Amino acid sequence: MVVIIKKGTPKEEIKKRVDEAISKSSKRDLMKYAGKLKSDIYPLEYQKQMRDEWE
């Protein structure tokens, strides 16, 4: 969802629009996916390896 807020909009209006956008967004329970992926790769080492490739 995109919320367009123009310059000079009062803070109350901004807060109202942001709250509406948050309430309309689909909230997913991400904890049900925690620990489901099984891998022999250690995540932190993989992340460091990927970052080193950029240099």
N, C-alpha and C. Protein backbone atom coordinates (compact mmCIF):
# COMPACT_ATOMS: atom_id res chain seq x y z
N MET A 1 0.84 -1.17 0.00
CA MET A 1 0.00 0.00 0.00
C MET A 1 0.89 1.23 0.00
N VAL A 2 0.48 2.23 -0.76
CA VAL A 2 1.24 3.47 -0.86
C VAL A 2 0.42 4.59 -0.24
N VAL A 3 1.05 5.35 0.62
CA VAL A 3 0.41 6.51 1.24
C VAL A 3 1.18 7.74 0.80
N ILE A 4 0.49 8.66 0.16
CA ILE A 4 1.13 9.88 -0.31
C ILE A 4 0.87 10.98 0.70
N ILE A 5 1.94 11.55 1.21
CA ILE A 5 1.84 12.63 2.19
C ILE A 5 2.56 13.84 1.62
N LYS A 6 1.82 14.90 1.43
CA LYS A 6 2.40 16.10 0.85
C LYS A 6 3.04 16.97 1.91
N LYS A 7 3.96 17.78 1.48
CA LYS A 7 4.66 18.70 2.38
C LYS A 7 3.66 19.66 3.00
N GLY A 8 3.77 19.85 4.30
CA GLY A 8 2.89 20.75 5.00
C GLY A 8 1.67 20.07 5.60
N THR A 9 1.56 18.76 5.44
CA THR A 9 0.45 18.02 6.03
C THR A 9 0.62 18.00 7.54
N PRO A 10 -0.45 18.28 8.28
CA PRO A 10 -0.34 18.28 9.75
C PRO A 10 0.05 16.90 10.29
N LYS A 11 0.76 16.91 11.42
CA LYS A 11 1.23 15.66 12.02
C LYS A 11 0.09 14.72 12.37
N GLU A 12 -1.04 15.27 12.78
CA GLU A 12 -2.19 14.43 13.13
C GLU A 12 -2.69 13.66 11.92
N GLU A 13 -2.73 14.34 10.76
CA GLU A 13 -3.18 13.71 9.52
C GLU A 13 -2.19 12.62 9.09
N ILE A 14 -0.91 12.89 9.23
CA ILE A 14 0.11 11.89 8.88
C ILE A 14 -0.05 10.66 9.75
N LYS A 15 -0.20 10.88 11.05
CA LYS A 15 -0.36 9.75 11.96
C LYS A 15 -1.61 8.94 11.63
N LYS A 16 -2.70 9.62 11.30
CA LYS A 16 -3.94 8.95 10.94
C LYS A 16 -3.75 8.08 9.70
N ARG A 17 -3.09 8.61 8.68
CA ARG A 17 -2.88 7.87 7.43
C ARG A 17 -1.96 6.67 7.65
N VAL A 18 -0.93 6.84 8.45
CA VAL A 18 -0.01 5.74 8.73
C VAL A 18 -0.73 4.64 9.51
N ASP A 19 -1.51 5.03 10.50
CA ASP A 19 -2.27 4.04 11.27
C ASP A 19 -3.25 3.27 10.39
N GLU A 20 -3.90 3.95 9.44
CA GLU A 20 -4.81 3.28 8.52
C GLU A 20 -4.06 2.28 7.65
N ALA A 21 -2.88 2.67 7.16
CA ALA A 21 -2.10 1.79 6.31
C ALA A 21 -1.65 0.55 7.08
N ILE A 22 -1.27 0.73 8.32
CA ILE A 22 -0.83 -0.40 9.15
C ILE A 22 -1.99 -1.34 9.43
N SER A 23 -3.16 -0.78 9.72
CA SER A 23 -4.31 -1.62 10.05
C SER A 23 -4.80 -2.40 8.83
N LYS A 24 -4.60 -1.87 7.63
CA LYS A 24 -5.04 -2.55 6.41
C LYS A 24 -4.04 -3.58 5.92
N SER A 25 -2.80 -3.49 6.36
CA SER A 25 -1.78 -4.43 5.89
C SER A 25 -2.03 -5.81 6.48
N SER A 26 -1.68 -6.81 5.70
CA SER A 26 -1.88 -8.18 6.19
C SER A 26 -0.75 -8.54 7.14
N LYS A 27 -1.13 -8.89 8.33
CA LYS A 27 -0.13 -9.26 9.33
C LYS A 27 0.01 -10.77 9.30
N ARG A 28 1.20 -11.22 9.15
CA ARG A 28 1.46 -12.65 9.07
C ARG A 28 2.22 -13.10 10.31
N ASP A 29 1.93 -14.28 10.73
CA ASP A 29 2.63 -14.85 11.87
C ASP A 29 3.90 -15.52 11.35
N LEU A 30 4.99 -14.79 11.37
CA LEU A 30 6.25 -15.30 10.83
C LEU A 30 6.91 -16.33 11.72
N MET A 31 6.51 -16.37 12.99
CA MET A 31 7.12 -17.34 13.90
C MET A 31 6.79 -18.78 13.52
N LYS A 32 5.72 -18.99 12.76
CA LYS A 32 5.39 -20.35 12.37
C LYS A 32 6.40 -20.90 11.37
N TYR A 33 7.18 -20.03 10.76
CA TYR A 33 8.20 -20.46 9.81
C TYR A 33 9.59 -20.58 10.44
N ALA A 34 9.73 -20.14 11.68
CA ALA A 34 11.04 -20.14 12.33
C ALA A 34 11.55 -21.57 12.50
N GLY A 35 12.77 -21.79 12.07
CA GLY A 35 13.41 -23.09 12.24
C GLY A 35 12.97 -24.14 11.25
N LYS A 36 12.23 -23.79 10.22
CA LYS A 36 11.71 -24.77 9.26
C LYS A 36 12.73 -25.13 8.18
N LEU A 37 13.60 -24.20 7.85
CA LEU A 37 14.60 -24.47 6.83
C LEU A 37 15.78 -25.21 7.44
N LYS A 38 16.07 -26.34 6.90
CA LYS A 38 17.21 -27.12 7.37
C LYS A 38 18.35 -26.95 6.38
N SER A 39 19.50 -26.63 6.88
CA SER A 39 20.65 -26.40 6.01
C SER A 39 21.92 -26.76 6.75
N ASP A 40 22.92 -27.17 5.99
CA ASP A 40 24.21 -27.47 6.60
C ASP A 40 25.12 -26.25 6.57
N ILE A 41 24.61 -25.12 6.06
CA ILE A 41 25.38 -23.88 5.99
C ILE A 41 25.09 -23.05 7.23
N TYR A 42 26.15 -22.59 7.89
CA TYR A 42 25.99 -21.71 9.05
C TYR A 42 25.64 -20.31 8.54
N PRO A 43 24.50 -19.75 8.90
CA PRO A 43 24.02 -18.49 8.32
C PRO A 43 24.99 -17.32 8.43
N LEU A 44 25.64 -17.15 9.55
CA LEU A 44 26.54 -16.03 9.73
C LEU A 44 27.76 -16.14 8.82
N GLU A 45 28.29 -17.34 8.70
CA GLU A 45 29.43 -17.55 7.80
C GLU A 45 29.03 -17.31 6.34
N TYR A 46 27.83 -17.74 5.97
CA TYR A 46 27.32 -17.53 4.62
C TYR A 46 27.18 -16.04 4.33
N GLN A 47 26.65 -15.28 5.29
CA GLN A 47 26.48 -13.85 5.14
C GLN A 47 27.83 -13.17 4.95
N LYS A 48 28.81 -13.54 5.76
CA LYS A 48 30.15 -12.95 5.63
C LYS A 48 30.76 -13.27 4.27
N GLN A 49 30.56 -14.50 3.81
CA GLN A 49 31.08 -14.92 2.50
C GLN A 49 30.44 -14.09 1.38
N MET A 50 29.15 -13.87 1.45
CA MET A 50 28.45 -13.08 0.43
C MET A 50 28.93 -11.64 0.44
N ARG A 51 29.17 -11.09 1.62
CA ARG A 51 29.64 -9.70 1.70
C ARG A 51 31.06 -9.58 1.17
N ASP A 52 31.88 -10.58 1.40
CA ASP A 52 33.26 -10.54 0.91
C ASP A 52 33.32 -10.58 -0.60
N GLU A 53 32.34 -11.18 -1.25
CA GLU A 53 32.32 -11.25 -2.71
C GLU A 53 32.12 -9.88 -3.34
N TRP A 54 31.50 -8.95 -2.62
CA TRP A 54 31.23 -7.63 -3.16
C TRP A 54 32.51 -6.78 -3.28
N GLU A 55 33.48 -7.07 -2.47
CA GLU A 55 34.69 -6.24 -2.44
C GLU A 55 35.60 -6.51 -3.60
